[in-house]
Amino acid sequence: MPDSVDYPIGRFTFGKLNVLQGRFVYVFPDLSKDGNTFKEWETKAKEYESRLPRTCFMFSDLLEQLAPERNKSEGNDLAEYLIKQDWRLFRKGNIQEQQPQPKPEKCY
C-alpha cells in the first residue's frame, strides 16, 4: 500500500496532518475497549476538516465491528492485522485493478 500512511493517535495532530490538505483520507482508528479512540479520532478529524480546505476524512469502523473483545482490550490497530497476512497476496500482480470510486458526497 504505497499510498498509505499509518498514524498513531498521538501523531494525529494538525501540525502533522496539514500536508494532507486537499486529499481524501481514509482512517481506520485503533481499537479500544469502549470505542473512545474511534470517537476521539472522529472529533479531531471534524476540527481538521474545518481548518484544511478540500480535505475529507472518511472513517471506517471495520475493526470496531469485526474485532474480538480481546483485540479491543489490547488496543490493536489495522497494521497488527495486516502483518499477519501473507504479503504476497498484496503484490501488484495479484491485485485486481478496480475502477476509481466516486468521491463521497459527505465532502462536497
PDB file of N, CA and C in Angstrom:
ATOM      1  N   MET A   1       0.834  -1.178   0.000  1.00  0.00           N
ATOM      2  CA  MET A   1       0.000   0.000   0.000  1.00  0.00           C
ATOM      3  C   MET A   1       0.883   1.247   0.000  1.00  0.00           C
ATOM      4  N   PRO A   2       1.485   1.552  -1.125  1.00  0.00           N
ATOM      5  CA  PRO A   2       2.425   2.669  -1.182  1.00  0.00           C
ATOM      6  C   PRO A   2       1.804   4.031  -0.940  1.00  0.00           C
ATOM      7  N   ASP A   3       0.504   4.163  -1.135  1.00  0.00           N
ATOM      8  CA  ASP A   3      -0.143   5.454  -0.919  1.00  0.00           C
ATOM      9  C   ASP A   3      -0.728   5.571   0.473  1.00  0.00           C
ATOM     10  N   SER A   4      -0.363   4.661   1.365  1.00  0.00           N
ATOM     11  CA  SER A   4      -0.935   4.630   2.709  1.00  0.00           C
ATOM     12  C   SER A   4       0.070   5.103   3.745  1.00  0.00           C
ATOM     13  N   VAL A   5      -0.452   5.694   4.799  1.00  0.00           N
ATOM     14  CA  VAL A   5       0.366   6.148   5.915  1.00  0.00           C
ATOM     15  C   VAL A   5      -0.308   5.695   7.194  1.00  0.00           C
ATOM     16  N   ASP A   6       0.466   5.179   8.123  1.00  0.00           N
ATOM     17  CA  ASP A   6      -0.070   4.725   9.405  1.00  0.00           C
ATOM     18  C   ASP A   6       0.290   5.767  10.460  1.00  0.00           C
ATOM     19  N   TYR A   7      -0.727   6.445  11.017  1.00  0.00           N
ATOM     20  CA  TYR A   7      -0.524   7.459  12.051  1.00  0.00           C
ATOM     21  C   TYR A   7      -1.082   6.968  13.373  1.00  0.00           C
ATOM     22  N   PRO A   8      -0.266   6.901  14.418  1.00  0.00           N
ATOM     23  CA  PRO A   8      -0.831   6.622  15.743  1.00  0.00           C
ATOM     24  C   PRO A   8      -1.614   7.843  16.230  1.00  0.00           C
ATOM     25  N   ILE A   9      -2.542   7.637  17.141  1.00  0.00           N
ATOM     26  CA  ILE A   9      -3.398   8.733  17.617  1.00  0.00           C
ATOM     27  C   ILE A   9      -2.576   9.896  18.167  1.00  0.00           C
ATOM     28  N   GLY A  10      -1.440   9.614  18.776  1.00  0.00           N
ATOM     29  CA  GLY A  10      -0.601  10.673  19.315  1.00  0.00           C
ATOM     30  C   GLY A  10      -0.051  11.597  18.244  1.00  0.00           C
ATOM     31  N   ARG A  11       0.023  11.111  17.008  1.00  0.00           N
ATOM     32  CA  ARG A  11       0.519  11.928  15.897  1.00  0.00           C
ATOM     33  C   ARG A  11      -0.610  12.500  15.055  1.00  0.00           C
ATOM     34  N   PHE A  12      -1.827  12.231  15.427  1.00  0.00           N
ATOM     35  CA  PHE A  12      -2.987  12.736  14.692  1.00  0.00           C
ATOM     36  C   PHE A  12      -3.220  14.175  15.131  1.00  0.00           C
ATOM     37  N   THR A  13      -2.234  15.031  14.827  1.00  0.00           N
ATOM     38  CA  THR A  13      -2.286  16.435  15.216  1.00  0.00           C
ATOM     39  C   THR A  13      -2.324  17.303  13.960  1.00  0.00           C
ATOM     40  N   PHE A  14      -2.854  18.497  14.105  1.00  0.00           N
ATOM     41  CA  PHE A  14      -2.976  19.399  12.965  1.00  0.00           C
ATOM     42  C   PHE A  14      -1.618  19.652  12.322  1.00  0.00           C
ATOM     43  N   GLY A  15      -0.603  19.880  13.131  1.00  0.00           N
ATOM     44  CA  GLY A  15       0.726  20.163  12.602  1.00  0.00           C
ATOM     45  C   GLY A  15       1.277  19.052  11.730  1.00  0.00           C
ATOM     46  N   LYS A  16       0.958  17.818  12.058  1.00  0.00           N
ATOM     47  CA  LYS A  16       1.447  16.675  11.282  1.00  0.00           C
ATOM     48  C   LYS A  16       0.560  16.373  10.076  1.00  0.00           C
ATOM     49  N   LEU A  17      -0.723  16.699  10.173  1.00  0.00           N
ATOM     50  CA  LEU A  17      -1.663  16.313   9.123  1.00  0.00           C
ATOM     51  C   LEU A  17      -1.921  17.394   8.085  1.00  0.00           C
ATOM     52  N   ASN A  18      -1.391  18.584   8.282  1.00  0.00           N
ATOM     53  CA  ASN A  18      -1.688  19.648   7.321  1.00  0.00           C
ATOM     54  C   ASN A  18      -1.147  19.338   5.928  1.00  0.00           C
ATOM     55  N   VAL A  19      -0.200  18.409   5.812  1.00  0.00           N
ATOM     56  CA  VAL A  19       0.307  18.004   4.496  1.00  0.00           C
ATOM     57  C   VAL A  19      -0.749  17.233   3.703  1.00  0.00           C
ATOM     58  N   LEU A  20      -1.821  16.819   4.365  1.00  0.00           N
ATOM     59  CA  LEU A  20      -2.886  16.074   3.695  1.00  0.00           C
ATOM     60  C   LEU A  20      -3.963  16.992   3.117  1.00  0.00           C
ATOM     61  N   GLN A  21      -3.736  18.289   3.188  1.00  0.00           N
ATOM     62  CA  GLN A  21      -4.737  19.246   2.708  1.00  0.00           C
ATOM     63  C   GLN A  21      -5.127  18.940   1.266  1.00  0.00           C
ATOM     64  N   GLY A  22      -6.438  18.959   1.018  1.00  0.00           N
ATOM     65  CA  GLY A  22      -6.947  18.733  -0.322  1.00  0.00           C
ATOM     66  C   GLY A  22      -7.091  17.270  -0.705  1.00  0.00           C
ATOM     67  N   ARG A  23      -6.914  16.371   0.236  1.00  0.00           N
ATOM     68  CA  ARG A  23      -6.977  14.936  -0.066  1.00  0.00           C
ATOM     69  C   ARG A  23      -8.154  14.268   0.626  1.00  0.00           C
ATOM     70  N   PHE A  24      -8.501  13.090   0.105  1.00  0.00           N
ATOM     71  CA  PHE A  24      -9.434  12.203   0.785  1.00  0.00           C
ATOM     72  C   PHE A  24      -8.587  11.269   1.623  1.00  0.00           C
ATOM     73  N   VAL A  25      -8.838  11.252   2.911  1.00  0.00           N
ATOM     74  CA  VAL A  25      -8.037  10.464   3.847  1.00  0.00           C
ATOM     75  C   VAL A  25      -8.934   9.395   4.464  1.00  0.00           C
ATOM     76  N   TYR A  26      -8.560   8.151   4.274  1.00  0.00           N
ATOM     77  CA  TYR A  26      -9.327   7.040   4.849  1.00  0.00           C
ATOM     78  C   TYR A  26      -8.695   6.661   6.172  1.00  0.00           C
ATOM     79  N   VAL A  27      -9.494   6.667   7.216  1.00  0.00           N
ATOM     80  CA  VAL A  27      -8.993   6.485   8.581  1.00  0.00           C
ATOM     81  C   VAL A  27      -9.563   5.195   9.173  1.00  0.00           C
ATOM     82  N   PHE A  28      -8.662   4.371   9.699  1.00  0.00           N
ATOM     83  CA  PHE A  28      -9.022   3.152  10.414  1.00  0.00           C
ATOM     84  C   PHE A  28      -8.493   3.304  11.840  1.00  0.00           C
ATOM     85  N   PRO A  29      -9.272   3.908  12.733  1.00  0.00           N
ATOM     86  CA  PRO A  29      -8.784   4.159  14.093  1.00  0.00           C
ATOM     87  C   PRO A  29      -8.429   2.877  14.842  1.00  0.00           C
ATOM     88  N   ASP A  30      -7.497   3.033  15.771  1.00  0.00           N
ATOM     89  CA  ASP A  30      -7.123   1.922  16.644  1.00  0.00           C
ATOM     90  C   ASP A  30      -8.336   1.461  17.434  1.00  0.00           C
ATOM     91  N   LEU A  31      -8.274   0.231  17.865  1.00  0.00           N
ATOM     92  CA  LEU A  31      -9.339  -0.310  18.704  1.00  0.00           C
ATOM     93  C   LEU A  31      -9.193   0.179  20.136  1.00  0.00           C
ATOM     94  N   SER A  32     -10.295   0.215  20.839  1.00  0.00           N
ATOM     95  CA  SER A  32     -10.284   0.471  22.278  1.00  0.00           C
ATOM     96  C   SER A  32     -11.476  -0.261  22.869  1.00  0.00           C
ATOM     97  N   LYS A  33     -11.345  -0.596  24.121  1.00  0.00           N
ATOM     98  CA  LYS A  33     -12.378  -1.403  24.771  1.00  0.00           C
ATOM     99  C   LYS A  33     -13.748  -0.731  24.718  1.00  0.00           C
ATOM    100  N   ASP A  34     -13.769   0.579  24.896  1.00  0.00           N
ATOM    101  CA  ASP A  34     -15.038   1.306  24.950  1.00  0.00           C
ATOM    102  C   ASP A  34     -15.346   2.114  23.684  1.00  0.00           C
ATOM    103  N   GLY A  35     -14.495   2.019  22.668  1.00  0.00           N
ATOM    104  CA  GLY A  35     -14.722   2.759  21.429  1.00  0.00           C
ATOM    105  C   GLY A  35     -14.330   4.217  21.492  1.00  0.00           C
ATOM    106  N   ASN A  36     -13.700   4.643  22.585  1.00  0.00           N
ATOM    107  CA  ASN A  36     -13.338   6.056  22.737  1.00  0.00           C
ATOM    108  C   ASN A  36     -12.292   6.520  21.732  1.00  0.00           C
ATOM    109  N   THR A  37     -11.378   5.642  21.345  1.00  0.00           N
ATOM    110  CA  THR A  37     -10.350   6.047  20.388  1.00  0.00           C
ATOM    111  C   THR A  37     -10.990   6.440  19.063  1.00  0.00           C
ATOM    112  N   PHE A  38     -11.944   5.654  18.610  1.00  0.00           N
ATOM    113  CA  PHE A  38     -12.661   5.967  17.371  1.00  0.00           C
ATOM    114  C   PHE A  38     -13.316   7.340  17.485  1.00  0.00           C
ATOM    115  N   LYS A  39     -13.999   7.586  18.579  1.00  0.00           N
ATOM    116  CA  LYS A  39     -14.691   8.863  18.789  1.00  0.00           C
ATOM    117  C   LYS A  39     -13.698  10.022  18.854  1.00  0.00           C
ATOM    118  N   GLU A  40     -12.555   9.791  19.501  1.00  0.00           N
ATOM    119  CA  GLU A  40     -11.529  10.835  19.619  1.00  0.00           C
ATOM    120  C   GLU A  40     -10.982  11.217  18.245  1.00  0.00           C
ATOM    121  N   TRP A  41     -10.660  10.227  17.420  1.00  0.00           N
ATOM    122  CA  TRP A  41     -10.151  10.500  16.073  1.00  0.00           C
ATOM    123  C   TRP A  41     -11.205  11.239  15.256  1.00  0.00           C
ATOM    124  N   GLU A  42     -12.450  10.796  15.362  1.00  0.00           N
ATOM    125  CA  GLU A  42     -13.524  11.401  14.588  1.00  0.00           C
ATOM    126  C   GLU A  42     -13.729  12.869  14.974  1.00  0.00           C
ATOM    127  N   THR A  43     -13.663  13.157  16.260  1.00  0.00           N
ATOM    128  CA  THR A  43     -13.807  14.535  16.738  1.00  0.00           C
ATOM    129  C   THR A  43     -12.675  15.408  16.218  1.00  0.00           C
ATOM    130  N   LYS A  44     -11.441  14.912  16.313  1.00  0.00           N
ATOM    131  CA  LYS A  44     -10.299  15.676  15.813  1.00  0.00           C
ATOM    132  C   LYS A  44     -10.420  15.906  14.313  1.00  0.00           C
ATOM    133  N   ALA A  45     -10.834  14.879  13.583  1.00  0.00           N
ATOM    134  CA  ALA A  45     -10.930  14.996  12.125  1.00  0.00           C
ATOM    135  C   ALA A  45     -11.927  16.070  11.715  1.00  0.00           C
ATOM    136  N   LYS A  46     -13.036  16.178  12.413  1.00  0.00           N
ATOM    137  CA  LYS A  46     -14.027  17.214  12.089  1.00  0.00           C
ATOM    138  C   LYS A  46     -13.414  18.603  12.246  1.00  0.00           C
ATOM    139  N   GLU A  47     -12.636  18.776  13.303  1.00  0.00           N
ATOM    140  CA  GLU A  47     -11.959  20.061  13.506  1.00  0.00           C
ATOM    141  C   GLU A  47     -10.962  20.318  12.381  1.00  0.00           C
ATOM    142  N   TYR A  48     -10.174  19.304  12.022  1.00  0.00           N
ATOM    143  CA  TYR A  48      -9.153  19.474  10.987  1.00  0.00           C
ATOM    144  C   TYR A  48      -9.776  19.746   9.619  1.00  0.00           C
ATOM    145  N   GLU A  49     -10.910  19.112   9.331  1.00  0.00           N
ATOM    146  CA  GLU A  49     -11.586  19.368   8.057  1.00  0.00           C
ATOM    147  C   GLU A  49     -11.978  20.836   7.943  1.00  0.00           C
ATOM    148  N   SER A  50     -12.384  21.431   9.042  1.00  0.00           N
ATOM    149  CA  SER A  50     -12.777  22.842   9.004  1.00  0.00           C
ATOM    150  C   SER A  50     -11.566  23.756   8.805  1.00  0.00           C
ATOM    151  N   ARG A  51     -10.386  23.271   9.161  1.00  0.00           N
ATOM    152  CA  ARG A  51      -9.169  24.080   9.041  1.00  0.00           C
ATOM    153  C   ARG A  51      -8.361  23.757   7.789  1.00  0.00           C
ATOM    154  N   LEU A  52      -8.672  22.636   7.125  1.00  0.00           N
ATOM    155  CA  LEU A  52      -7.937  22.219   5.931  1.00  0.00           C
ATOM    156  C   LEU A  52      -8.895  22.186   4.738  1.00  0.00           C
ATOM    157  N   PRO A  53      -8.921  23.235   3.936  1.00  0.00           N
ATOM    158  CA  PRO A  53      -9.849  23.277   2.804  1.00  0.00           C
ATOM    159  C   PRO A  53      -9.702  22.067   1.881  1.00  0.00           C
ATOM    160  N   ARG A  54     -10.835  21.574   1.405  1.00  0.00           N
ATOM    161  CA  ARG A  54     -10.918  20.467   0.450  1.00  0.00           C
ATOM    162  C   ARG A  54     -10.337  19.161   0.988  1.00  0.00           C
ATOM    163  N   THR A  55     -10.272  19.016   2.296  1.00  0.00           N
ATOM    164  CA  THR A  55      -9.780  17.783   2.907  1.00  0.00           C
ATOM    165  C   THR A  55     -10.960  17.028   3.499  1.00  0.00           C
ATOM    166  N   CYS A  56     -10.967  15.727   3.286  1.00  0.00           N
ATOM    167  CA  CYS A  56     -12.080  14.915   3.769  1.00  0.00           C
ATOM    168  C   CYS A  56     -11.543  13.660   4.457  1.00  0.00           C
ATOM    169  N   PHE A  57     -11.910  13.483   5.708  1.00  0.00           N
ATOM    170  CA  PHE A  57     -11.544  12.280   6.451  1.00  0.00           C
ATOM    171  C   PHE A  57     -12.730  11.325   6.429  1.00  0.00           C
ATOM    172  N   MET A  58     -12.526  10.152   5.878  1.00  0.00           N
ATOM    173  CA  MET A  58     -13.563   9.124   5.817  1.00  0.00           C
ATOM    174  C   MET A  58     -13.182   8.025   6.809  1.00  0.00           C
ATOM    175  N   PHE A  59     -14.074   7.743   7.741  1.00  0.00           N
ATOM    176  CA  PHE A  59     -13.781   6.791   8.806  1.00  0.00           C
ATOM    177  C   PHE A  59     -14.366   5.423   8.525  1.00  0.00           C
ATOM    178  N   SER A  60     -13.598   4.402   8.866  1.00  0.00           N
ATOM    179  CA  SER A  60     -14.079   3.023   8.780  1.00  0.00           C
ATOM    180  C   SER A  60     -14.158   2.452  10.191  1.00  0.00           C
ATOM    181  N   ASP A  61     -15.301   1.870  10.494  1.00  0.00           N
ATOM    182  CA  ASP A  61     -15.440   1.195  11.784  1.00  0.00           C
ATOM    183  C   ASP A  61     -15.311  -0.322  11.618  1.00  0.00           C
ATOM    184  N   LEU A  62     -14.667  -0.736  10.543  1.00  0.00           N
ATOM    185  CA  LEU A  62     -14.476  -2.156  10.253  1.00  0.00           C
ATOM    186  C   LEU A  62     -13.857  -2.898  11.430  1.00  0.00           C
ATOM    187  N   LEU A  63     -12.788  -2.346  11.987  1.00  0.00           N
ATOM    188  CA  LEU A  63     -12.143  -3.012  13.127  1.00  0.00           C
ATOM    189  C   LEU A  63     -13.076  -3.070  14.324  1.00  0.00           C
ATOM    190  N   GLU A  64     -13.775  -1.984  14.594  1.00  0.00           N
ATOM    191  CA  GLU A  64     -14.704  -1.957  15.734  1.00  0.00           C
ATOM    192  C   GLU A  64     -15.779  -3.030  15.585  1.00  0.00           C
ATOM    193  N   GLN A  65     -16.240  -3.239  14.364  1.00  0.00           N
ATOM    194  CA  GLN A  65     -17.313  -4.205  14.133  1.00  0.00           C
ATOM    195  C   GLN A  65     -16.835  -5.651  14.190  1.00  0.00           C
ATOM    196  N   LEU A  66     -15.637  -5.917  13.678  1.00  0.00           N
ATOM    197  CA  LEU A  66     -15.201  -7.300  13.496  1.00  0.00           C
ATOM    198  C   LEU A  66     -14.234  -7.832  14.549  1.00  0.00           C
ATOM    199  N   ALA A  67     -13.588  -6.964  15.277  1.00  0.00           N
ATOM    200  CA  ALA A  67     -12.549  -7.412  16.208  1.00  0.00           C
ATOM    201  C   ALA A  67     -13.142  -8.068  17.450  1.00  0.00           C
ATOM    202  N   PRO A  68     -12.496  -9.136  17.918  1.00  0.00           N
ATOM    203  CA  PRO A  68     -12.925  -9.735  19.186  1.00  0.00           C
ATOM    204  C   PRO A  68     -12.579  -8.812  20.360  1.00  0.00           C
ATOM    205  N   GLU A  69     -13.260  -8.997  21.463  1.00  0.00           N
ATOM    206  CA  GLU A  69     -13.056  -8.153  22.651  1.00  0.00           C
ATOM    207  C   GLU A  69     -11.595  -8.129  23.093  1.00  0.00           C
ATOM    208  N   ARG A  70     -10.915  -9.243  22.977  1.00  0.00           N
ATOM    209  CA  ARG A  70      -9.504  -9.311  23.384  1.00  0.00           C
ATOM    210  C   ARG A  70      -8.673  -8.289  22.612  1.00  0.00           C
ATOM    211  N   ASN A  71      -8.902  -8.188  21.294  1.00  0.00           N
ATOM    212  CA  ASN A  71      -8.166  -7.223  20.482  1.00  0.00           C
ATOM    213  C   ASN A  71      -8.514  -5.788  20.853  1.00  0.00           C
ATOM    214  N   LYS A  72      -9.769  -5.548  21.218  1.00  0.00           N
ATOM    215  CA  LYS A  72     -10.173  -4.207  21.646  1.00  0.00           C
ATOM    216  C   LYS A  72      -9.470  -3.832  22.941  1.00  0.00           C
ATOM    217  N   SER A  73      -9.399  -4.776  23.873  1.00  0.00           N
ATOM    218  CA  SER A  73      -8.725  -4.521  25.154  1.00  0.00           C
ATOM    219  C   SER A  73      -7.246  -4.234  24.955  1.00  0.00           C
ATOM    220  N   GLU A  74      -6.648  -4.865  23.942  1.00  0.00           N
ATOM    221  CA  GLU A  74      -5.219  -4.673  23.665  1.00  0.00           C
ATOM    222  C   GLU A  74      -4.956  -3.415  22.842  1.00  0.00           C
ATOM    223  N   GLY A  75      -6.009  -2.783  22.317  1.00  0.00           N
ATOM    224  CA  GLY A  75      -5.836  -1.569  21.521  1.00  0.00           C
ATOM    225  C   GLY A  75      -5.194  -1.823  20.169  1.00  0.00           C
ATOM    226  N   ASN A  76      -5.452  -2.979  19.583  1.00  0.00           N
ATOM    227  CA  ASN A  76      -4.856  -3.318  18.289  1.00  0.00           C
ATOM    228  C   ASN A  76      -5.254  -2.312  17.217  1.00  0.00           C
ATOM    229  N   ASP A  77      -4.462  -2.287  16.145  1.00  0.00           N
ATOM    230  CA  ASP A  77      -4.762  -1.397  15.030  1.00  0.00           C
ATOM    231  C   ASP A  77      -4.706  -2.169  13.718  1.00  0.00           C
ATOM    232  N   LEU A  78      -4.987  -1.495  12.628  1.00  0.00           N
ATOM    233  CA  LEU A  78      -5.037  -2.136  11.321  1.00  0.00           C
ATOM    234  C   LEU A  78      -3.704  -2.792  10.965  1.00  0.00           C
ATOM    235  N   ALA A  79      -2.607  -2.138  11.294  1.00  0.00           N
ATOM    236  CA  ALA A  79      -1.290  -2.689  10.970  1.00  0.00           C
ATOM    237  C   ALA A  79      -1.084  -4.052  11.618  1.00  0.00           C
ATOM    238  N   GLU A  80      -1.579  -4.230  12.825  1.00  0.00           N
ATOM    239  CA  GLU A  80      -1.415  -5.514  13.511  1.00  0.00           C
ATOM    240  C   GLU A  80      -2.196  -6.628  12.827  1.00  0.00           C
ATOM    241  N   TYR A  81      -3.246  -6.285  12.126  1.00  0.00           N
ATOM    242  CA  TYR A  81      -3.974  -7.286  11.345  1.00  0.00           C
ATOM    243  C   TYR A  81      -3.266  -7.549  10.024  1.00  0.00           C
ATOM    244  N   LEU A  82      -2.773  -6.500   9.392  1.00  0.00           N
ATOM    245  CA  LEU A  82      -2.130  -6.657   8.091  1.00  0.00           C
ATOM    246  C   LEU A  82      -0.839  -7.460   8.167  1.00  0.00           C
ATOM    247  N   ILE A  83      -0.057  -7.300   9.235  1.00  0.00           N
ATOM    248  CA  ILE A  83       1.211  -8.032   9.311  1.00  0.00           C
ATOM    249  C   ILE A  83       1.001  -9.533   9.478  1.00  0.00           C
ATOM    250  N   LYS A  84      -0.187  -9.937   9.832  1.00  0.00           N
ATOM    251  CA  LYS A  84      -0.483 -11.364   9.964  1.00  0.00           C
ATOM    252  C   LYS A  84      -0.881 -11.987   8.626  1.00  0.00           C
ATOM    253  N   GLN A  85      -1.014 -11.167   7.597  1.00  0.00           N
ATOM    254  CA  GLN A  85      -1.419 -11.641   6.278  1.00  0.00           C
ATOM    255  C   GLN A  85      -0.195 -12.026   5.452  1.00  0.00           C
ATOM    256  N   ASP A  86      -0.410 -12.837   4.451  1.00  0.00           N
ATOM    257  CA  ASP A  86       0.651 -13.221   3.520  1.00  0.00           C
ATOM    258  C   ASP A  86       0.895 -12.041   2.579  1.00  0.00           C
ATOM    259  N   TRP A  87       2.043 -11.403   2.697  1.00  0.00           N
ATOM    260  CA  TRP A  87       2.353 -10.207   1.922  1.00  0.00           C
ATOM    261  C   TRP A  87       2.269 -10.457   0.421  1.00  0.00           C
ATOM    262  N   ARG A  88       2.477 -11.698  -0.014  1.00  0.00           N
ATOM    263  CA  ARG A  88       2.446 -11.994  -1.451  1.00  0.00           C
ATOM    264  C   ARG A  88       1.062 -11.753  -2.049  1.00  0.00           C
ATOM    265  N   LEU A  89       0.032 -11.816  -1.217  1.00  0.00           N
ATOM    266  CA  LEU A  89      -1.320 -11.573  -1.715  1.00  0.00           C
ATOM    267  C   LEU A  89      -1.530 -10.116  -2.128  1.00  0.00           C
ATOM    268  N   PHE A  90      -0.663  -9.235  -1.646  1.00  0.00           N
ATOM    269  CA  PHE A  90      -0.823  -7.808  -1.895  1.00  0.00           C
ATOM    270  C   PHE A  90       0.133  -7.272  -2.958  1.00  0.00           C
ATOM    271  N   ARG A  91       0.880  -8.154  -3.583  1.00  0.00           N
ATOM    272  CA  ARG A  91       1.786  -7.719  -4.647  1.00  0.00           C
ATOM    273  C   ARG A  91       0.979  -7.242  -5.839  1.00  0.00           C
ATOM    274  N   LYS A  92       1.514  -6.313  -6.575  1.00  0.00           N
ATOM    275  CA  LYS A  92       0.799  -5.677  -7.685  1.00  0.00           C
ATOM    276  C   LYS A  92       0.196  -6.695  -8.649  1.00  0.00           C
ATOM    277  N   GLY A  93       0.908  -7.750  -8.988  1.00  0.00           N
ATOM    278  CA  GLY A  93       0.410  -8.743  -9.934  1.00  0.00           C
ATOM    279  C   GLY A  93      -0.778  -9.527  -9.421  1.00  0.00           C
ATOM    280  N   ASN A  94      -0.964  -9.560  -8.116  1.00  0.00           N
ATOM    281  CA  ASN A  94      -2.053 -10.332  -7.527  1.00  0.00           C
ATOM    282  C   ASN A  94      -3.286  -9.497  -7.222  1.00  0.00           C
ATOM    283  N   ILE A  95      -3.175  -8.217  -7.360  1.00  0.00           N
ATOM    284  CA  ILE A  95      -4.286  -7.329  -7.019  1.00  0.00           C
ATOM    285  C   ILE A  95      -5.048  -6.983  -8.286  1.00  0.00           C
ATOM    286  N   GLN A  96      -6.331  -7.199  -8.268  1.00  0.00           N
ATOM    287  CA  GLN A  96      -7.159  -6.840  -9.411  1.00  0.00           C
ATOM    288  C   GLN A  96      -7.368  -5.332  -9.405  1.00  0.00           C
ATOM    289  N   GLU A  97      -7.119  -4.736 -10.558  1.00  0.00           N
ATOM    290  CA  GLU A  97      -7.323  -3.295 -10.671  1.00  0.00           C
ATOM    291  C   GLU A  97      -8.810  -2.992 -10.549  1.00  0.00           C
ATOM    292  N   GLN A  98      -9.132  -1.975  -9.786  1.00  0.00           N
ATOM    293  CA  GLN A  98     -10.517  -1.574  -9.605  1.00  0.00           C
ATOM    294  C   GLN A  98     -10.745  -0.229 -10.269  1.00  0.00           C
ATOM    295  N   GLN A  99     -11.970  -0.021 -10.685  1.00  0.00           N
ATOM    296  CA  GLN A  99     -12.337   1.267 -11.256  1.00  0.00           C
ATOM    297  C   GLN A  99     -12.283   2.320 -10.153  1.00  0.00           C
ATOM    298  N   PRO A 100     -11.889   3.536 -10.477  1.00  0.00           N
ATOM    299  CA  PRO A 100     -11.882   4.595  -9.457  1.00  0.00           C
ATOM    300  C   PRO A 100     -13.271   4.763  -8.855  1.00  0.00           C
ATOM    301  N   GLN A 101     -13.300   4.933  -7.561  1.00  0.00           N
ATOM    302  CA  GLN A 101     -14.560   5.101  -6.848  1.00  0.00           C
ATOM    303  C   GLN A 101     -14.953   6.575  -6.864  1.00  0.00           C
ATOM    304  N   PRO A 102     -16.248   6.852  -6.939  1.00  0.00           N
ATOM    305  CA  PRO A 102     -16.667   8.258  -6.877  1.00  0.00           C
ATOM    306  C   PRO A 102     -16.340   8.849  -5.513  1.00  0.00           C
ATOM    307  N   LYS A 103     -16.099  10.142  -5.497  1.00  0.00           N
ATOM    308  CA  LYS A 103     -15.802  10.809  -4.233  1.00  0.00           C
ATOM    309  C   LYS A 103     -17.051  10.807  -3.357  1.00  0.00           C
ATOM    310  N   PRO A 104     -16.875  10.578  -2.069  1.00  0.00           N
ATOM    311  CA  PRO A 104     -18.033  10.547  -1.169  1.00  0.00           C
ATOM    312  C   PRO A 104     -18.766  11.884  -1.150  1.00  0.00           C
ATOM    313  N   GLU A 105     -20.084  11.828  -1.098  1.00  0.00           N
ATOM    314  CA  GLU A 105     -20.892  13.048  -1.096  1.00  0.00           C
ATOM    315  C   GLU A 105     -20.651  13.896   0.139  1.00  0.00           C
ATOM    316  N   LYS A 106     -20.276  13.265   1.234  1.00  0.00           N
ATOM    317  CA  LYS A 106     -20.071  13.956   2.506  1.00  0.00           C
ATOM    318  C   LYS A 106     -19.118  15.138   2.362  1.00  0.00           C
ATOM    319  N   CYS A 107     -18.179  15.056   1.449  1.00  0.00           N
ATOM    320  CA  CYS A 107     -17.105  16.044   1.385  1.00  0.00           C
ATOM    321  C   CYS A 107     -17.272  17.082   0.282  1.00  0.00           C
ATOM    322  N   TYR A 108     -18.399  17.154  -0.319  1.00  0.00           N
ATOM    323  CA  TYR A 108     -18.576  18.157  -1.370  1.00  0.00           C
ATOM    324  C   TYR A 108     -18.985  19.473  -0.793  1.00  0.00           C
TER     325      TYR A 108
END
